[in-house]
C-alpha atoms as a PDB file:
ATOM      1  CA  MET A   1      -0.028   0.191   0.132  1.00  0.00           C
ATOM      2  CA  ASP A   2       1.300   3.480  -0.812  1.00  0.00           C
ATOM      3  CA  ARG A   3       2.143   5.877   2.073  1.00  0.00           C
ATOM      4  CA  PRO A   4      -0.234   8.583   2.147  1.00  0.00           C
ATOM      5  CA  LEU A   5       0.652  12.060   0.871  1.00  0.00           C
ATOM      6  CA  ILE A   6       2.104  14.693   3.382  1.00  0.00           C
ATOM      7  CA  LEU A   7       0.813  18.197   3.587  1.00  0.00           C
ATOM      8  CA  GLY A   8       3.737  20.624   4.839  1.00  0.00           C
ATOM      9  CA  ILE A   9       2.628  23.709   6.194  1.00  0.00           C
ATOM     10  CA  ASP A  10       4.593  26.766   6.933  1.00  0.00           C
ATOM     11  CA  PRO A  11       2.258  28.806   9.094  1.00  0.00           C
ATOM     12  CA  GLY A  12       1.641  32.486   8.759  1.00  0.00           C
ATOM     13  CA  THR A  13      -1.455  34.629   9.383  1.00  0.00           C
ATOM     14  CA  ARG A  14      -1.254  36.789   6.214  1.00  0.00           C
ATOM     15  CA  VAL A  15       0.704  34.176   3.778  1.00  0.00           C
ATOM     16  CA  LEU A  16       0.738  30.270   4.527  1.00  0.00           C
ATOM     17  CA  GLY A  17       3.068  28.222   2.477  1.00  0.00           C
ATOM     18  CA  TYR A  18       2.167  24.464   1.702  1.00  0.00           C
ATOM     19  CA  GLY A  19       3.692  21.622   0.089  1.00  0.00           C
ATOM     20  CA  ILE A  20       2.082  18.358  -0.845  1.00  0.00           C
ATOM     21  CA  VAL A  21       4.628  15.581  -0.964  1.00  0.00           C
ATOM     22  CA  GLN A  22       4.468  12.098  -2.258  1.00  0.00           C
ATOM     23  CA  PRO A  23       7.007  10.307  -0.060  1.00  0.00           C
ATOM     24  CA  GLU A  24       7.664   6.942  -1.992  1.00  0.00           C
ATOM     25  CA  PRO A  25       8.802   7.762  -4.794  1.00  0.00           C
ATOM     26  CA  LEU A  26       9.479  11.142  -3.487  1.00  0.00           C
ATOM     27  CA  ARG A  27       7.867  13.953  -5.590  1.00  0.00           C
ATOM     28  CA  CYS A  28       6.194  17.194  -5.107  1.00  0.00           C
ATOM     29  CA  VAL A  29       2.579  16.730  -5.910  1.00  0.00           C
ATOM     30  CA  GLU A  30       1.724  20.632  -5.351  1.00  0.00           C
ATOM     31  CA  CYS A  31       2.979  23.569  -3.693  1.00  0.00           C
ATOM     32  CA  GLY A  32       2.060  27.103  -3.107  1.00  0.00           C
ATOM     33  CA  ILE A  33       0.913  29.952  -0.921  1.00  0.00           C
ATOM     34  CA  LEU A  34      -2.432  30.735   0.662  1.00  0.00           C
ATOM     35  CA  THR A  35      -3.184  34.265   1.248  1.00  0.00           C
ATOM     36  CA  ALA A  36      -5.525  36.095   3.376  1.00  0.00           C
ATOM     37  CA  HIS A  37      -6.911  39.403   2.423  1.00  0.00           C
ATOM     38  CA  ASN A  38      -8.907  40.403   5.152  1.00  0.00           C
ATOM     39  CA  ARG A  39      -7.934  43.113   7.795  1.00  0.00           C
ATOM     40  CA  SER A  40      -9.441  41.279  10.873  1.00  0.00           C
ATOM     41  CA  GLN A  41      -6.998  38.646  12.219  1.00  0.00           C
ATOM     42  CA  THR A  42     -10.338  36.587  12.959  1.00  0.00           C
ATOM     43  CA  HIS A  43     -11.411  36.793   9.371  1.00  0.00           C
ATOM     44  CA  ARG A  44      -7.948  35.809   8.080  1.00  0.00           C
ATOM     45  CA  LEU A  45      -7.862  32.959  10.122  1.00  0.00           C
ATOM     46  CA  ALA A  46     -11.123  31.771   8.796  1.00  0.00           C
ATOM     47  CA  GLU A  47     -10.011  32.449   5.237  1.00  0.00           C
ATOM     48  CA  LEU A  48      -6.833  30.431   5.719  1.00  0.00           C
ATOM     49  CA  ALA A  49      -9.009  27.561   7.540  1.00  0.00           C
ATOM     50  CA  ALA A  50     -11.197  27.526   4.382  1.00  0.00           C
ATOM     51  CA  ASP A  51      -8.471  27.365   2.064  1.00  0.00           C
ATOM     52  CA  ILE A  52      -6.785  24.555   4.154  1.00  0.00           C
ATOM     53  CA  ARG A  53      -9.804  22.446   4.089  1.00  0.00           C
ATOM     54  CA  GLY A  54     -10.086  22.829   0.429  1.00  0.00           C
ATOM     55  CA  LEU A  55      -6.517  21.591   0.084  1.00  0.00           C
ATOM     56  CA  VAL A  56      -7.503  18.450   2.284  1.00  0.00           C
ATOM     57  CA  ALA A  57     -10.703  17.872   0.016  1.00  0.00           C
ATOM     58  CA  GLU A  58      -8.682  18.402  -3.288  1.00  0.00           C
ATOM     59  CA  PHE A  59      -6.136  15.679  -1.994  1.00  0.00           C
ATOM     60  CA  PRO A  60      -8.083  12.997   0.041  1.00  0.00           C
ATOM     61  CA  ALA A  61      -4.949  10.872   0.432  1.00  0.00           C
ATOM     62  CA  ILE A  62      -3.365  13.305   2.639  1.00  0.00           C
ATOM     63  CA  GLY A  63      -2.678  11.444   5.575  1.00  0.00           C
ATOM     64  CA  LEU A  64      -0.196  13.459   7.493  1.00  0.00           C
ATOM     65  CA  MET A  65      -0.070  17.141   8.210  1.00  0.00           C
ATOM     66  CA  ALA A  66       3.497  18.539   8.985  1.00  0.00           C
ATOM     67  CA  LEU A  67       3.766  22.069  10.563  1.00  0.00           C
ATOM     68  CA  GLU A  68       6.861  24.069  11.357  1.00  0.00           C
ATOM     69  CA  ASP A  69       6.760  25.019  14.989  1.00  0.00           C
ATOM     70  CA  THR A  70       6.649  28.911  15.990  1.00  0.00           C
ATOM     71  CA  PHE A  71      10.066  30.369  16.694  1.00  0.00           C
ATOM     72  CA  ILE A  72      10.040  34.121  17.464  1.00  0.00           C
ATOM     73  CA  HIS A  73      13.285  36.067  17.433  1.00  0.00           C
ATOM     74  CA  PRO A  74      13.732  37.812  20.758  1.00  0.00           C
ATOM     75  CA  ARG A  75      13.421  41.281  18.695  1.00  0.00           C
ATOM     76  CA  HIS A  76      10.057  40.294  17.750  1.00  0.00           C
ATOM     77  CA  ARG A  77       7.000  41.179  19.411  1.00  0.00           C
ATOM     78  CA  LYS A  78       4.962  38.704  21.489  1.00  0.00           C
ATOM     79  CA  ASP A  79       1.847  39.410  19.398  1.00  0.00           C
ATOM     80  CA  THR A  80       3.685  37.558  16.388  1.00  0.00           C
ATOM     81  CA  ALA A  81       4.114  34.393  18.495  1.00  0.00           C
ATOM     82  CA  ILE A  82       0.232  34.497  19.695  1.00  0.00           C
ATOM     83  CA  ALA A  83      -0.780  35.209  16.149  1.00  0.00           C
ATOM     84  CA  LEU A  84       1.240  32.253  14.742  1.00  0.00           C
ATOM     85  CA  GLY A  85       0.122  30.109  17.532  1.00  0.00           C
ATOM     86  CA  ARG A  86      -3.501  30.696  16.350  1.00  0.00           C
ATOM     87  CA  ILE A  87      -2.985  29.650  12.778  1.00  0.00           C
ATOM     88  CA  GLN A  88      -1.135  26.587  13.977  1.00  0.00           C
ATOM     89  CA  GLY A  89      -4.316  25.853  16.367  1.00  0.00           C
ATOM     90  CA  VAL A  90      -6.346  26.216  13.339  1.00  0.00           C
ATOM     91  CA  CYS A  91      -4.316  23.783  11.090  1.00  0.00           C
ATOM     92  CA  LEU A  92      -4.269  21.152  14.124  1.00  0.00           C
ATOM     93  CA  ALA A  93      -8.051  21.634  14.485  1.00  0.00           C
ATOM     94  CA  ILE A  94      -8.474  20.695  10.814  1.00  0.00           C
ATOM     95  CA  ALA A  95      -6.110  17.997  10.782  1.00  0.00           C
ATOM     96  CA  SER A  96      -8.245  16.491  13.644  1.00  0.00           C
ATOM     97  CA  ALA A  97     -11.517  17.063  12.176  1.00  0.00           C
ATOM     98  CA  CYS A  98     -10.098  15.332   8.879  1.00  0.00           C
ATOM     99  CA  ARG A  99      -8.682  12.497  10.702  1.00  0.00           C
ATOM    100  CA  ILE A 100      -5.110  13.519   9.643  1.00  0.00           C
ATOM    101  CA  GLU A 101      -2.230  12.791  11.818  1.00  0.00           C
ATOM    102  CA  PRO A 102      -0.313  15.992  12.800  1.00  0.00           C
ATOM    103  CA  VAL A 103       3.071  16.556  13.726  1.00  0.00           C
ATOM    104  CA  ILE A 104       5.353  19.618  14.521  1.00  0.00           C
ATOM    105  CA  TYR A 105       8.757  20.219  13.768  1.00  0.00           C
ATOM    106  CA  ALA A 106      11.319  22.758  15.184  1.00  0.00           C
ATOM    107  CA  PRO A 107      12.607  25.084  12.643  1.00  0.00           C
ATOM    108  CA  THR A 108      16.340  23.790  13.329  1.00  0.00           C
ATOM    109  CA  THR A 109      15.152  20.421  13.021  1.00  0.00           C
ATOM    110  CA  ILE A 110      13.779  21.198   9.634  1.00  0.00           C
ATOM    111  CA  LYS A 111      16.846  22.800   8.451  1.00  0.00           C
ATOM    112  CA  ARG A 112      19.037  20.055   9.744  1.00  0.00           C
ATOM    113  CA  THR A 113      16.936  17.375   8.149  1.00  0.00           C
ATOM    114  CA  VAL A 114      16.989  19.011   4.788  1.00  0.00           C
ATOM    115  CA  THR A 115      20.475  20.536   4.859  1.00  0.00           C
ATOM    116  CA  GLY A 116      22.594  18.765   7.251  1.00  0.00           C
ATOM    117  CA  LYS A 117      22.897  21.769   9.477  1.00  0.00           C
ATOM    118  CA  GLY A 118      20.672  23.506  11.706  1.00  0.00           C
ATOM    119  CA  ASN A 119      21.438  27.112  11.263  1.00  0.00           C
ATOM    120  CA  ALA A 120      21.008  26.901   7.517  1.00  0.00           C
ATOM    121  CA  THR A 121      19.778  29.864   5.585  1.00  0.00           C
ATOM    122  CA  LYS A 122      16.557  30.036   3.874  1.00  0.00           C
ATOM    123  CA  ALA A 123      18.597  30.336   0.568  1.00  0.00           C
ATOM    124  CA  GLU A 124      20.435  27.118   1.623  1.00  0.00           C
ATOM    125  CA  VAL A 125      17.258  25.298   2.358  1.00  0.00           C
ATOM    126  CA  ALA A 126      15.683  26.362  -0.829  1.00  0.00           C
ATOM    127  CA  ARG A 127      18.387  25.285  -2.981  1.00  0.00           C
ATOM    128  CA  VAL A 128      18.195  21.839  -1.455  1.00  0.00           C
ATOM    129  CA  VAL A 129      14.492  21.736  -1.861  1.00  0.00           C
ATOM    130  CA  MET A 130      14.721  22.605  -5.631  1.00  0.00           C
ATOM    131  CA  GLY A 131      17.457  19.963  -6.240  1.00  0.00           C
ATOM    132  CA  LEU A 132      15.565  17.352  -4.619  1.00  0.00           C
ATOM    133  CA  PHE A 133      12.364  17.863  -6.450  1.00  0.00           C
ATOM    134  CA  GLY A 134      14.124  18.747  -9.834  1.00  0.00           C
ATOM    135  CA  PHE A 135      12.674  22.356  -9.932  1.00  0.00           C
ATOM    136  CA  THR A 136      14.040  24.639 -12.541  1.00  0.00           C
ATOM    137  CA  THR A 137      12.556  27.926 -10.923  1.00  0.00           C
ATOM    138  CA  GLN A 138      11.933  28.396  -7.455  1.00  0.00           C
ATOM    139  CA  PRO A 139       8.469  28.414  -5.872  1.00  0.00           C
ATOM    140  CA  LYS A 140       7.402  31.376  -3.424  1.00  0.00           C
ATOM    141  CA  PRO A 141       9.693  31.083  -0.261  1.00  0.00           C
ATOM    142  CA  ASP A 142       6.936  30.234   1.907  1.00  0.00           C
ATOM    143  CA  ALA A 143       6.155  27.103  -0.398  1.00  0.00           C
ATOM    144  CA  THR A 144       9.855  26.188  -0.444  1.00  0.00           C
ATOM    145  CA  ASP A 145       9.642  26.368   3.651  1.00  0.00           C
ATOM    146  CA  ALA A 146       6.518  24.204   3.542  1.00  0.00           C
ATOM    147  CA  LEU A 147       8.126  21.605   1.274  1.00  0.00           C
ATOM    148  CA  ALA A 148      11.008  21.427   3.453  1.00  0.00           C
ATOM    149  CA  VAL A 149       8.747  20.606   6.272  1.00  0.00           C
ATOM    150  CA  ALA A 150       7.028  17.945   4.595  1.00  0.00           C
ATOM    151  CA  LEU A 151      10.547  16.440   3.791  1.00  0.00           C
ATOM    152  CA  THR A 152      11.129  16.514   7.394  1.00  0.00           C
ATOM    153  CA  ALA A 153       7.992  14.294   7.952  1.00  0.00           C
ATOM    154  CA  CYS A 154       9.391  12.017   5.027  1.00  0.00           C
ATOM    155  CA  ALA A 155      12.527  11.456   6.802  1.00  0.00           C
ATOM    156  CA  ALA A 156      11.088  10.853  10.183  1.00  0.00           C
END
């Protein structure tokens, strides 16, 4: 039996990256970004939730949702951490409602898994992701990050 598809998510409250990966043989099924246009955070969360549910409905073979954990640089505001925690909670609720197993990975774990070093730059991660999937043009950065999250789940 084939392994289920993996939905990797790079959480964001305005732009959320996603990547859907088939683990064996490894291939990118789809990747992109979901953009929330509402001014209200509550409405943005609802908009993104509907888009994520749409992805799950479009790809019913998704069996695992892999999320990047929240990392806030000490110079960033705590509001950012709260907002990212909210979209992460929305993703976890959707996974539960759709009977999809959720996993969460720390950013350093994702970077280490994909590039071999936990302090890799976004550009280094993007280069490896592009090479593994044979992309000739780079997807949006949030989509590349989401694919890296999915790759981490593949390696687990």
